Amino acid sequence: MPNSADTAVLPKAASAQPSAPTVVIRPSRGWASLQLAALWEYRELLYFLVWRDVKVRYKQTVLGVLWIILQPVVSMIVFSALFGGLLDVPSGGVPYPIFLYSALLPWNYFSGSLTRSSASVVSSANLIRKVYFPRLVIPISGVVSGLVDFAVAFSVLAALMLFYRVAPTPAVLLLPAFILLAMATSLGFGLWLSALNVRFRDVGYLVPFLVQIWMYLTPVIYPVTLIPERLRWLLALNPMTGVVEGFRWALLGAHLEDAAPPGGLFYASIAIALGVLVSGLIFFRRTERTFADVI
């Protein structure tokens, strides 16, 4: 039975007794077969997968949801001691812990969502073999479930800003736009990696290494101004640059030295993220029909 399909209802003979309609699943064809509308029909399944992911993630742990706060806080302490203390990395005139955490927050969401979505299809092999549903629901659930961790970890940033008496700027109302950009980026790359992971299990070993290197190529622990101006165009190739810089500007723009609204870096991030997302959707839909056979 194909995994990716269009459905049609066959009419019953006039003499037959009324019964449930027969549903035939046919392979989808053409470029207009992304079937994004089917995601709305299976929204309850998406909710179930998100809830399952959140529950399983912290089930049978001693600290439970406290891990959501502990992980970024420990990272902030270590990086603040090394880069803010020993190496004296500039932080734009604001306390380095806030400068760092305002970037760690979106970065941790992206890295966690990318890791979960890239492994989501393989980890759901039993479900894929048993029943038909839009396979896009699986990697999307890995991205959406990360919003729970993000919301809890955001409370730590609010406490830090209160402790250091740093008031948010009016641009904080634009934070949802940067969150959407982070979601689009993680989903786009997650679709590519999750589909490739079905056939090449090396992807599962590559993703942690890729995320680690990617972090140092993103201005999380250092400001963009630390990069020579002639090389800053390279940062525009990284869509997470726009997300991280946008978060800092929205939260701390009035307090940062030489702060300016996101410009070329942000627009380049949007273009690249949308390109990766659209191509990821197409690639995922073209390969999902073989998932049940290969996985």
Protein backbone atom coordinates (compact mmCIF):
# COMPACT_ATOMS: atom_id res chain seq x y z
CA MET A 1 0.00 0.00 0.00
CA PRO A 2 1.58 3.35 -0.99
CA ASN A 3 2.44 5.73 1.79
CA SER A 4 1.84 9.01 -0.03
CA ALA A 5 -1.54 9.11 -1.66
CA ASP A 6 -4.61 10.80 -3.02
CA THR A 7 -7.88 9.25 -1.92
CA ALA A 8 -11.08 8.62 -3.84
CA VAL A 9 -14.45 7.16 -2.83
CA LEU A 10 -15.88 4.41 -5.07
CA PRO A 11 -19.70 4.42 -5.52
CA LYS A 12 -21.65 1.36 -4.35
CA ALA A 13 -24.05 -0.54 -6.52
CA ALA A 14 -27.66 0.58 -6.28
CA SER A 15 -28.78 -2.80 -4.95
CA ALA A 16 -26.12 -2.95 -2.23
CA GLN A 17 -26.99 -2.30 1.37
CA PRO A 18 -25.87 1.08 2.74
CA SER A 19 -22.41 0.76 4.26
CA ALA A 20 -19.26 2.71 4.91
CA PRO A 21 -17.65 4.11 1.74
CA THR A 22 -14.65 2.33 0.28
CA VAL A 23 -11.51 4.44 0.30
CA VAL A 24 -8.83 3.74 -2.28
CA ILE A 25 -5.31 5.10 -1.69
CA ARG A 26 -3.47 5.96 -4.90
CA PRO A 27 0.07 7.31 -5.36
CA SER A 28 0.11 11.10 -5.65
CA ARG A 29 1.37 12.70 -8.85
CA GLY A 30 2.39 16.15 -9.99
CA TRP A 31 3.96 19.14 -8.29
CA ALA A 32 0.65 20.16 -6.68
CA SER A 33 0.47 17.02 -4.54
CA LEU A 34 1.92 18.33 -1.29
CA GLN A 35 -1.53 17.85 0.28
CA LEU A 36 -0.94 20.44 2.95
CA ALA A 37 -4.70 20.62 3.55
CA ALA A 38 -4.57 17.05 4.84
CA LEU A 39 -2.50 18.26 7.79
CA TRP A 40 -5.56 20.10 9.09
CA GLU A 41 -7.65 16.94 8.82
CA TYR A 42 -5.07 15.11 10.94
CA ARG A 43 -4.58 17.93 13.46
CA GLU A 44 -5.68 15.64 16.32
CA LEU A 45 -2.89 13.22 15.41
CA LEU A 46 -0.42 16.12 15.45
CA TYR A 47 -1.65 17.10 18.91
CA PHE A 48 -1.25 13.51 20.12
CA LEU A 49 2.30 13.21 18.76
CA VAL A 50 3.31 16.53 20.32
CA TRP A 51 1.86 15.53 23.68
CA ARG A 52 3.53 12.11 23.48
CA ASP A 53 6.89 13.69 22.67
CA VAL A 54 6.69 16.07 25.64
CA LYS A 55 5.65 13.30 28.05
CA VAL A 56 8.22 10.74 26.90
CA ARG A 57 11.05 13.28 26.91
CA TYR A 58 10.94 13.75 30.69
CA LYS A 59 9.27 10.53 31.79
CA GLN A 60 11.04 8.60 34.55
CA THR A 61 13.51 11.41 35.19
CA VAL A 62 14.33 12.62 38.68
CA LEU A 63 14.25 16.33 37.82
CA GLY A 64 11.50 16.09 35.20
CA VAL A 65 10.72 19.38 33.47
CA LEU A 66 13.44 21.09 35.51
CA TRP A 67 15.83 19.82 32.82
CA ILE A 68 14.27 22.42 30.51
CA ILE A 69 15.66 25.16 32.76
CA LEU A 70 18.80 23.41 33.98
CA GLN A 71 20.35 22.80 30.57
CA PRO A 72 20.36 26.40 29.26
CA VAL A 73 21.25 27.82 32.69
CA VAL A 74 24.32 25.58 33.03
CA SER A 75 25.37 26.45 29.47
CA MET A 76 24.95 30.14 30.27
CA ILE A 77 27.10 29.85 33.41
CA VAL A 78 29.90 27.97 31.65
CA PHE A 79 29.98 30.22 28.57
CA SER A 80 29.74 33.37 30.71
CA ALA A 81 32.73 32.24 32.76
CA LEU A 82 34.83 31.32 29.72
CA PHE A 83 33.90 33.91 27.11
CA GLY A 84 32.47 36.73 29.21
CA GLY A 85 35.01 36.42 32.03
CA LEU A 86 38.29 34.92 30.81
CA LEU A 87 38.18 35.99 27.14
CA ASP A 88 36.26 39.23 27.75
CA VAL A 89 34.07 38.88 24.67
CA PRO A 90 32.21 42.19 24.08
CA SER A 91 28.49 42.12 24.86
CA GLY A 92 27.34 45.47 23.53
CA GLY A 93 27.23 47.21 26.90
CA VAL A 94 24.77 44.79 28.56
CA PRO A 95 25.61 42.08 31.11
CA TYR A 96 27.10 39.13 29.27
CA PRO A 97 24.72 36.53 30.81
CA ILE A 98 21.72 38.35 29.31
CA PHE A 99 23.53 38.93 26.02
CA LEU A 100 24.32 35.20 25.86
CA TYR A 101 21.00 33.81 27.10
CA SER A 102 18.95 35.92 24.69
CA ALA A 103 20.75 34.04 21.89
CA LEU A 104 20.91 30.65 23.61
CA LEU A 105 17.13 30.62 23.92
CA PRO A 106 16.32 30.56 20.17
CA TRP A 107 19.42 28.50 19.43
CA ASN A 108 18.47 25.74 21.90
CA TYR A 109 14.99 25.66 20.42
CA PHE A 110 16.42 25.31 16.91
CA SER A 111 18.99 22.64 17.80
CA GLY A 112 16.47 20.58 19.79
CA SER A 113 13.82 20.81 17.08
CA LEU A 114 16.31 19.91 14.35
CA THR A 115 17.57 16.89 16.30
CA ARG A 116 14.06 15.58 17.04
CA SER A 117 12.65 16.15 13.55
CA SER A 118 15.66 14.59 11.80
CA ALA A 119 15.21 11.35 13.79
CA SER A 120 11.40 11.44 13.90
CA VAL A 121 10.63 9.28 10.88
CA VAL A 122 12.99 6.46 11.86
CA SER A 123 11.77 6.50 15.46
CA SER A 124 8.15 6.24 14.22
CA ALA A 125 8.79 3.21 11.99
CA ASN A 126 6.15 1.03 13.63
CA LEU A 127 3.47 3.67 13.16
CA ILE A 128 4.42 4.28 9.52
CA ARG A 129 4.18 0.57 8.64
CA LYS A 130 0.71 0.13 10.12
CA VAL A 131 -1.51 2.96 8.91
CA TYR A 132 -1.73 5.75 6.34
CA PHE A 133 -1.59 9.38 7.45
CA PRO A 134 0.29 12.45 6.16
CA ARG A 135 3.90 11.67 7.02
CA LEU A 136 4.60 15.40 7.33
CA VAL A 137 2.86 15.25 10.69
CA ILE A 138 5.83 13.38 12.19
CA PRO A 139 8.66 15.92 11.65
CA ILE A 140 6.27 18.82 12.31
CA SER A 141 5.44 17.37 15.73
CA GLY A 142 9.15 17.41 16.63
CA VAL A 143 9.31 21.13 15.82
CA VAL A 144 6.07 22.10 17.57
CA SER A 145 6.85 20.17 20.77
CA GLY A 146 9.98 22.27 21.24
CA LEU A 147 7.80 25.32 21.84
CA VAL A 148 6.95 23.91 25.29
CA ASP A 149 10.63 23.91 26.26
CA PHE A 150 11.05 27.36 24.75
CA ALA A 151 8.18 28.82 26.79
CA VAL A 152 9.51 27.39 30.05
CA ALA A 153 13.10 28.48 29.35
CA PHE A 154 11.89 31.98 28.46
CA SER A 155 10.89 32.46 32.09
CA VAL A 156 14.59 32.30 33.02
CA LEU A 157 15.35 35.14 30.60
CA ALA A 158 12.57 37.20 32.16
CA ALA A 159 14.07 36.59 35.61
CA LEU A 160 17.56 37.57 34.36
CA MET A 161 16.29 40.81 32.87
CA LEU A 162 14.49 41.60 36.12
CA PHE A 163 17.62 40.81 38.15
CA TYR A 164 19.88 43.01 36.01
CA ARG A 165 17.15 45.67 35.66
CA VAL A 166 17.15 45.52 31.87
CA ALA A 167 13.72 46.46 30.52
CA PRO A 168 12.54 44.94 27.22
CA THR A 169 12.11 47.26 24.25
CA PRO A 170 8.80 47.82 22.40
CA ALA A 171 10.24 45.66 19.62
CA VAL A 172 9.60 42.65 21.88
CA LEU A 173 6.23 42.44 20.11
CA LEU A 174 8.13 41.18 17.06
CA LEU A 175 9.44 38.10 18.86
CA PRO A 176 6.75 35.83 17.35
CA ALA A 177 8.13 36.66 13.89
CA PHE A 178 11.60 35.49 14.89
CA ILE A 179 10.12 32.36 16.50
CA LEU A 180 8.33 31.57 13.24
CA LEU A 181 11.60 32.02 11.36
CA ALA A 182 13.32 29.60 13.75
CA MET A 183 10.47 27.11 13.26
CA ALA A 184 10.68 27.39 9.48
CA THR A 185 14.45 26.92 9.54
CA SER A 186 14.40 23.87 11.82
CA LEU A 187 11.50 22.29 9.91
CA GLY A 188 13.09 22.88 6.52
CA PHE A 189 16.39 21.26 7.46
CA GLY A 190 14.54 18.64 9.53
CA LEU A 191 12.51 17.54 6.50
CA TRP A 192 15.65 17.04 4.43
CA LEU A 193 17.51 15.20 7.18
CA SER A 194 14.57 13.02 8.29
CA ALA A 195 13.99 11.81 4.72
CA LEU A 196 17.69 11.17 4.16
CA ASN A 197 17.95 9.41 7.53
CA VAL A 198 15.55 6.71 6.35
CA ARG A 199 17.97 5.56 3.67
CA PHE A 200 21.29 6.70 5.14
CA ARG A 201 21.51 6.12 8.89
CA ASP A 202 24.77 8.07 8.93
CA VAL A 203 22.56 11.16 9.25
CA GLY A 204 21.80 10.18 12.84
CA TYR A 205 25.52 10.41 13.67
CA LEU A 206 26.03 13.54 11.58
CA VAL A 207 23.33 15.72 13.15
CA PRO A 208 24.90 16.15 16.66
CA PHE A 209 28.24 17.04 15.07
CA LEU A 210 26.53 19.40 12.61
CA VAL A 211 24.62 21.18 15.39
CA GLN A 212 27.79 21.64 17.45
CA ILE A 213 29.71 23.20 14.56
CA TRP A 214 26.69 25.25 13.49
CA MET A 215 26.50 26.92 16.90
CA TYR A 216 29.99 28.37 16.59
CA LEU A 217 29.14 29.62 13.08
CA THR A 218 26.19 31.51 14.56
CA PRO A 219 26.72 34.70 16.63
CA VAL A 220 25.48 33.15 19.88
CA ILE A 221 28.49 33.61 22.16
CA TYR A 222 29.90 36.60 20.28
CA PRO A 223 28.44 39.69 18.55
CA VAL A 224 28.34 40.12 14.79
CA THR A 225 30.60 43.17 15.16
CA LEU A 226 33.42 40.84 16.17
CA ILE A 227 33.54 39.52 12.59
CA PRO A 228 35.45 41.66 10.05
CA GLU A 229 32.99 43.59 7.91
CA ARG A 230 34.33 42.11 4.69
CA LEU A 231 33.41 38.62 5.94
CA ARG A 232 29.99 39.34 7.41
CA TRP A 233 28.25 38.38 4.18
CA LEU A 234 29.15 34.80 5.07
CA LEU A 235 26.96 35.07 8.16
CA ALA A 236 24.02 35.90 5.91
CA LEU A 237 24.27 32.38 4.48
CA ASN A 238 23.34 31.06 7.91
CA PRO A 239 19.58 31.56 8.45
CA MET A 240 20.01 31.29 12.22
CA THR A 241 22.05 34.49 12.17
CA GLY A 242 18.90 36.49 11.47
CA VAL A 243 17.00 34.65 14.21
CA VAL A 244 19.65 35.18 16.90
CA GLU A 245 20.35 38.80 16.00
CA GLY A 246 16.62 39.47 15.76
CA PHE A 247 16.03 38.10 19.24
CA ARG A 248 18.79 40.26 20.69
CA TRP A 249 17.53 43.36 18.94
CA ALA A 250 13.90 42.79 19.98
CA LEU A 251 14.80 42.23 23.64
CA LEU A 252 17.87 44.40 24.18
CA GLY A 253 18.02 46.78 21.23
CA ALA A 254 17.70 49.96 23.29
CA HIS A 255 20.48 48.80 25.62
CA LEU A 256 22.96 47.50 23.05
CA GLU A 257 25.68 49.72 21.67
CA ASP A 258 25.24 50.50 17.95
CA ALA A 259 21.94 48.62 17.96
CA ALA A 260 20.00 48.73 14.69
CA PRO A 261 16.91 46.95 13.39
CA PRO A 262 17.68 43.72 11.52
CA GLY A 263 18.54 44.51 7.94
CA GLY A 264 20.27 42.51 5.24
CA LEU A 265 21.14 39.59 7.52
CA PHE A 266 17.53 39.13 8.54
CA TYR A 267 16.11 39.34 5.01
CA ALA A 268 18.75 36.92 3.75
CA SER A 269 17.83 34.53 6.57
CA ILE A 270 14.16 34.70 5.56
CA ALA A 271 14.96 33.95 1.92
CA ILE A 272 17.24 31.02 2.73
CA ALA A 273 14.88 29.58 5.35
CA LEU A 274 11.91 29.70 2.97
CA GLY A 275 13.99 28.15 0.20
CA VAL A 276 15.08 25.28 2.44
CA LEU A 277 11.52 24.81 3.75
CA VAL A 278 9.88 24.65 0.31
CA SER A 279 12.55 22.35 -1.13
CA GLY A 280 12.37 20.20 2.01
CA LEU A 281 8.60 19.82 1.64
CA ILE A 282 8.95 18.75 -1.98
CA PHE A 283 11.82 16.34 -1.28
CA PHE A 284 10.03 14.80 1.71
CA ARG A 285 6.83 14.25 -0.26
CA ARG A 286 8.70 12.72 -3.18
CA THR A 287 10.53 10.21 -0.98
CA GLU A 288 7.91 9.36 1.65
CA ARG A 289 6.24 6.74 -0.57
CA THR A 290 9.25 4.47 0.00
CA PHE A 291 9.50 4.98 3.77
CA ALA A 292 7.57 1.86 4.74
CA ASP A 293 9.66 -0.32 2.40
CA VAL A 294 13.06 0.99 3.45
CA ILE A 295 12.63 1.80 7.11
